[in-house]
Amino acid sequence: MANFSGIAADSGLTHVLSSFPQNSEQLLCLLDRIMCSGGALTRGEREAIAAHVSGLNGVAYCVHFHSLFSEVFCGPVAATQDRIRPLLDYAGALLEGEAEGISQAFKAATSTGWSEAALYEVVEVCGVFSFINTIVRAAGLAAPAETPEPRPTAAELKGSYAAMAKAVRGT
């Protein structure tokens, strides 16, 4: 059930952000930088972390889309999750917020070969998706019943966050 007037449960995030544009373009530009810039993690790995964080936050709408995006960029979600398990555990510890758990998950991830740069990128994804998840929950957006067919391609998703920012800007 949607919570803001003019926003239906089957609306998309772009519709929500366009309805409240004051900081939305800047948020989407930040999201684009965090998710799409080069770094220690690939776009698909970041998308898998976003889906995981969204799942821990109970936001099915975001789990649906970011699992799909991760699959487009990295292949089967389960295989990606297995490969980045220490990073997902670190993300979970960050969300729980207990210093000892964060420290243990950090050490576990670095001991399996993940760099501090990769772990910092996990911090960024966790932070921005906690924010996005809050917006989606407040708007009452529901996860789509089905995956879009045809599925998007990596080329189609390449500039998707920047395109959302442009749509919110109205250009």
Protein backbone atom coordinates (compact mmCIF):
# COMPACT_ATOMS: atom_id res chain seq x y z
CA MET A 1 0.00 0.00 0.00
CA ALA A 2 1.41 3.36 -1.04
CA ASN A 3 1.69 6.10 1.54
CA PHE A 4 2.10 9.36 -0.42
CA SER A 5 -0.73 10.78 -2.50
CA GLY A 6 -0.23 10.20 -6.20
CA ILE A 7 2.13 7.27 -5.57
CA ALA A 8 0.74 3.79 -6.17
CA ALA A 9 2.29 0.61 -4.79
CA ASP A 10 3.24 -0.33 -8.36
CA SER A 11 4.93 3.02 -9.00
CA GLY A 12 8.66 3.12 -9.56
CA LEU A 13 11.35 4.85 -7.57
CA THR A 14 11.77 7.46 -10.31
CA HIS A 15 8.12 8.48 -9.87
CA VAL A 16 8.61 8.85 -6.11
CA LEU A 17 11.77 10.90 -6.48
CA SER A 18 10.21 13.05 -9.21
CA SER A 19 7.36 13.82 -6.82
CA PHE A 20 9.85 15.10 -4.23
CA PRO A 21 12.68 16.51 -6.35
CA GLN A 22 14.43 18.81 -3.87
CA ASN A 23 17.37 16.45 -3.18
CA SER A 24 16.48 13.59 -5.48
CA GLU A 25 18.77 14.44 -8.38
CA GLN A 26 21.76 14.73 -6.03
CA LEU A 27 20.86 11.41 -4.39
CA LEU A 28 20.71 9.69 -7.78
CA CYS A 29 24.02 11.23 -8.84
CA LEU A 30 25.58 9.90 -5.62
CA LEU A 31 23.97 6.50 -6.27
CA ASP A 32 25.43 6.52 -9.79
CA ARG A 33 28.93 7.31 -8.47
CA ILE A 34 28.78 4.65 -5.77
CA MET A 35 27.34 1.90 -7.95
CA CYS A 36 28.92 2.60 -11.34
CA SER A 37 32.36 4.11 -10.80
CA GLY A 38 35.46 2.01 -11.13
CA GLY A 39 36.95 0.58 -8.00
CA ALA A 40 37.77 -2.59 -6.15
CA LEU A 41 34.31 -4.08 -6.75
CA THR A 42 32.48 -4.60 -10.01
CA ARG A 43 29.06 -3.14 -10.71
CA GLY A 44 27.55 -6.61 -10.37
CA GLU A 45 29.18 -7.17 -6.98
CA ARG A 46 27.89 -3.81 -5.76
CA GLU A 47 24.41 -4.69 -7.03
CA ALA A 48 24.59 -8.01 -5.15
CA ILE A 49 25.52 -6.13 -1.97
CA ALA A 50 22.64 -3.69 -2.58
CA ALA A 51 20.22 -6.61 -2.95
CA HIS A 52 21.59 -8.21 0.22
CA VAL A 53 21.34 -4.99 2.24
CA SER A 54 17.81 -4.45 0.92
CA GLY A 55 16.88 -7.98 1.98
CA LEU A 56 18.24 -7.39 5.47
CA ASN A 57 16.19 -4.17 5.55
CA GLY A 58 13.08 -6.05 4.37
CA VAL A 59 12.65 -4.09 1.12
CA ALA A 60 11.48 -6.57 -1.51
CA TYR A 61 11.21 -3.88 -4.22
CA CYS A 62 14.97 -3.22 -4.07
CA VAL A 63 15.86 -6.90 -3.65
CA HIS A 64 13.96 -7.63 -6.88
CA PHE A 65 15.71 -5.01 -9.00
CA HIS A 66 19.23 -5.25 -7.61
CA SER A 67 19.25 -9.05 -7.76
CA LEU A 68 18.28 -8.74 -11.43
CA PHE A 69 20.96 -6.09 -12.03
CA SER A 70 23.59 -8.22 -10.26
CA GLU A 71 22.65 -11.17 -12.45
CA VAL A 72 22.96 -9.06 -15.60
CA PHE A 73 26.46 -7.90 -14.66
CA CYS A 74 27.84 -10.99 -12.81
CA GLY A 75 25.78 -14.03 -13.69
CA PRO A 76 23.81 -16.22 -11.28
CA VAL A 77 23.12 -14.44 -8.00
CA ALA A 78 23.91 -17.47 -5.81
CA ALA A 79 27.37 -17.84 -7.37
CA THR A 80 28.10 -14.12 -6.87
CA GLN A 81 26.90 -14.28 -3.27
CA ASP A 82 29.14 -17.28 -2.58
CA ARG A 83 32.15 -15.49 -4.05
CA ILE A 84 31.58 -12.28 -2.07
CA ARG A 85 30.23 -13.90 1.13
CA PRO A 86 32.77 -12.13 3.41
CA LEU A 87 31.60 -8.78 1.98
CA LEU A 88 27.95 -9.67 2.55
CA ASP A 89 28.79 -10.66 6.12
CA TYR A 90 30.55 -7.33 6.57
CA ALA A 91 27.47 -5.51 5.20
CA GLY A 92 25.29 -7.40 7.69
CA ALA A 93 27.59 -6.44 10.55
CA LEU A 94 27.47 -2.79 9.48
CA LEU A 95 23.68 -2.86 9.51
CA GLU A 96 23.61 -4.49 12.95
CA GLY A 97 25.91 -1.71 14.13
CA GLU A 98 27.78 -3.51 16.89
CA ALA A 99 31.44 -2.47 16.95
CA GLU A 100 32.76 -5.95 17.81
CA GLY A 101 30.76 -7.58 15.01
CA ILE A 102 31.94 -4.97 12.51
CA SER A 103 35.56 -5.48 13.56
CA GLN A 104 35.29 -9.27 13.31
CA ALA A 105 33.62 -9.15 9.88
CA PHE A 106 36.26 -6.67 8.68
CA LYS A 107 39.08 -8.97 9.80
CA ALA A 108 37.39 -12.01 8.28
CA ALA A 109 36.99 -10.25 4.92
CA THR A 110 40.56 -8.98 4.80
CA SER A 111 41.90 -12.40 5.83
CA THR A 112 40.20 -13.90 2.74
CA GLY A 113 41.93 -11.39 0.46
CA TRP A 114 39.45 -8.52 0.18
CA SER A 115 41.12 -5.11 0.25
CA GLU A 116 40.26 -2.21 2.50
CA ALA A 117 39.18 -0.35 -0.65
CA ALA A 118 36.62 -3.10 -1.34
CA LEU A 119 35.39 -2.93 2.24
CA TYR A 120 35.00 0.83 2.03
CA GLU A 121 32.92 0.39 -1.12
CA VAL A 122 30.70 -1.98 0.90
CA VAL A 123 30.31 0.83 3.47
CA GLU A 124 29.18 3.20 0.71
CA VAL A 125 26.69 0.72 -0.75
CA CYS A 126 25.27 -0.02 2.72
CA GLY A 127 24.86 3.66 3.48
CA VAL A 128 23.21 4.70 0.24
CA PHE A 129 20.93 1.66 0.20
CA SER A 130 19.81 2.19 3.77
CA PHE A 131 18.73 5.64 2.56
CA ILE A 132 17.08 4.34 -0.63
CA ASN A 133 15.40 1.52 1.31
CA THR A 134 13.90 4.09 3.69
CA ILE A 135 12.45 6.04 0.76
CA VAL A 136 10.99 2.89 -0.82
CA ARG A 137 9.44 1.78 2.50
CA ALA A 138 7.98 5.25 3.11
CA ALA A 139 6.48 5.28 -0.38
CA GLY A 140 5.07 1.77 0.05
CA LEU A 141 6.49 0.49 -3.23
CA ALA A 142 5.82 -3.18 -3.87
CA ALA A 143 8.15 -5.58 -5.65
CA PRO A 144 6.98 -6.32 -9.19
CA ALA A 145 5.23 -9.66 -9.55
CA GLU A 146 7.46 -10.72 -12.43
CA THR A 147 10.86 -10.07 -13.92
CA PRO A 148 10.70 -7.91 -17.04
CA GLU A 149 10.94 -9.74 -20.33
CA PRO A 150 13.08 -9.29 -22.19
CA ARG A 151 15.55 -8.88 -19.36
CA PRO A 152 17.65 -5.73 -19.48
CA THR A 153 21.16 -5.98 -20.84
CA ALA A 154 24.34 -4.61 -19.28
CA ALA A 155 24.45 -1.98 -22.03
CA GLU A 156 20.89 -0.88 -21.20
CA LEU A 157 21.66 -0.70 -17.47
CA LYS A 158 25.03 1.01 -17.89
CA GLY A 159 23.70 4.53 -17.39
CA SER A 160 20.49 3.66 -15.55
CA TYR A 161 21.10 5.67 -12.36
CA ALA A 162 22.28 8.71 -14.31
CA ALA A 163 19.20 8.37 -16.54
CA MET A 164 17.01 8.37 -13.42
CA ALA A 165 18.70 11.58 -12.25
CA LYS A 166 18.05 13.11 -15.66
CA ALA A 167 14.38 12.04 -15.50
CA VAL A 168 14.00 13.58 -12.04
CA ARG A 169 15.57 16.78 -13.37
CA GLY A 170 12.98 16.70 -16.16
CA THR A 171 15.41 16.74 -19.06
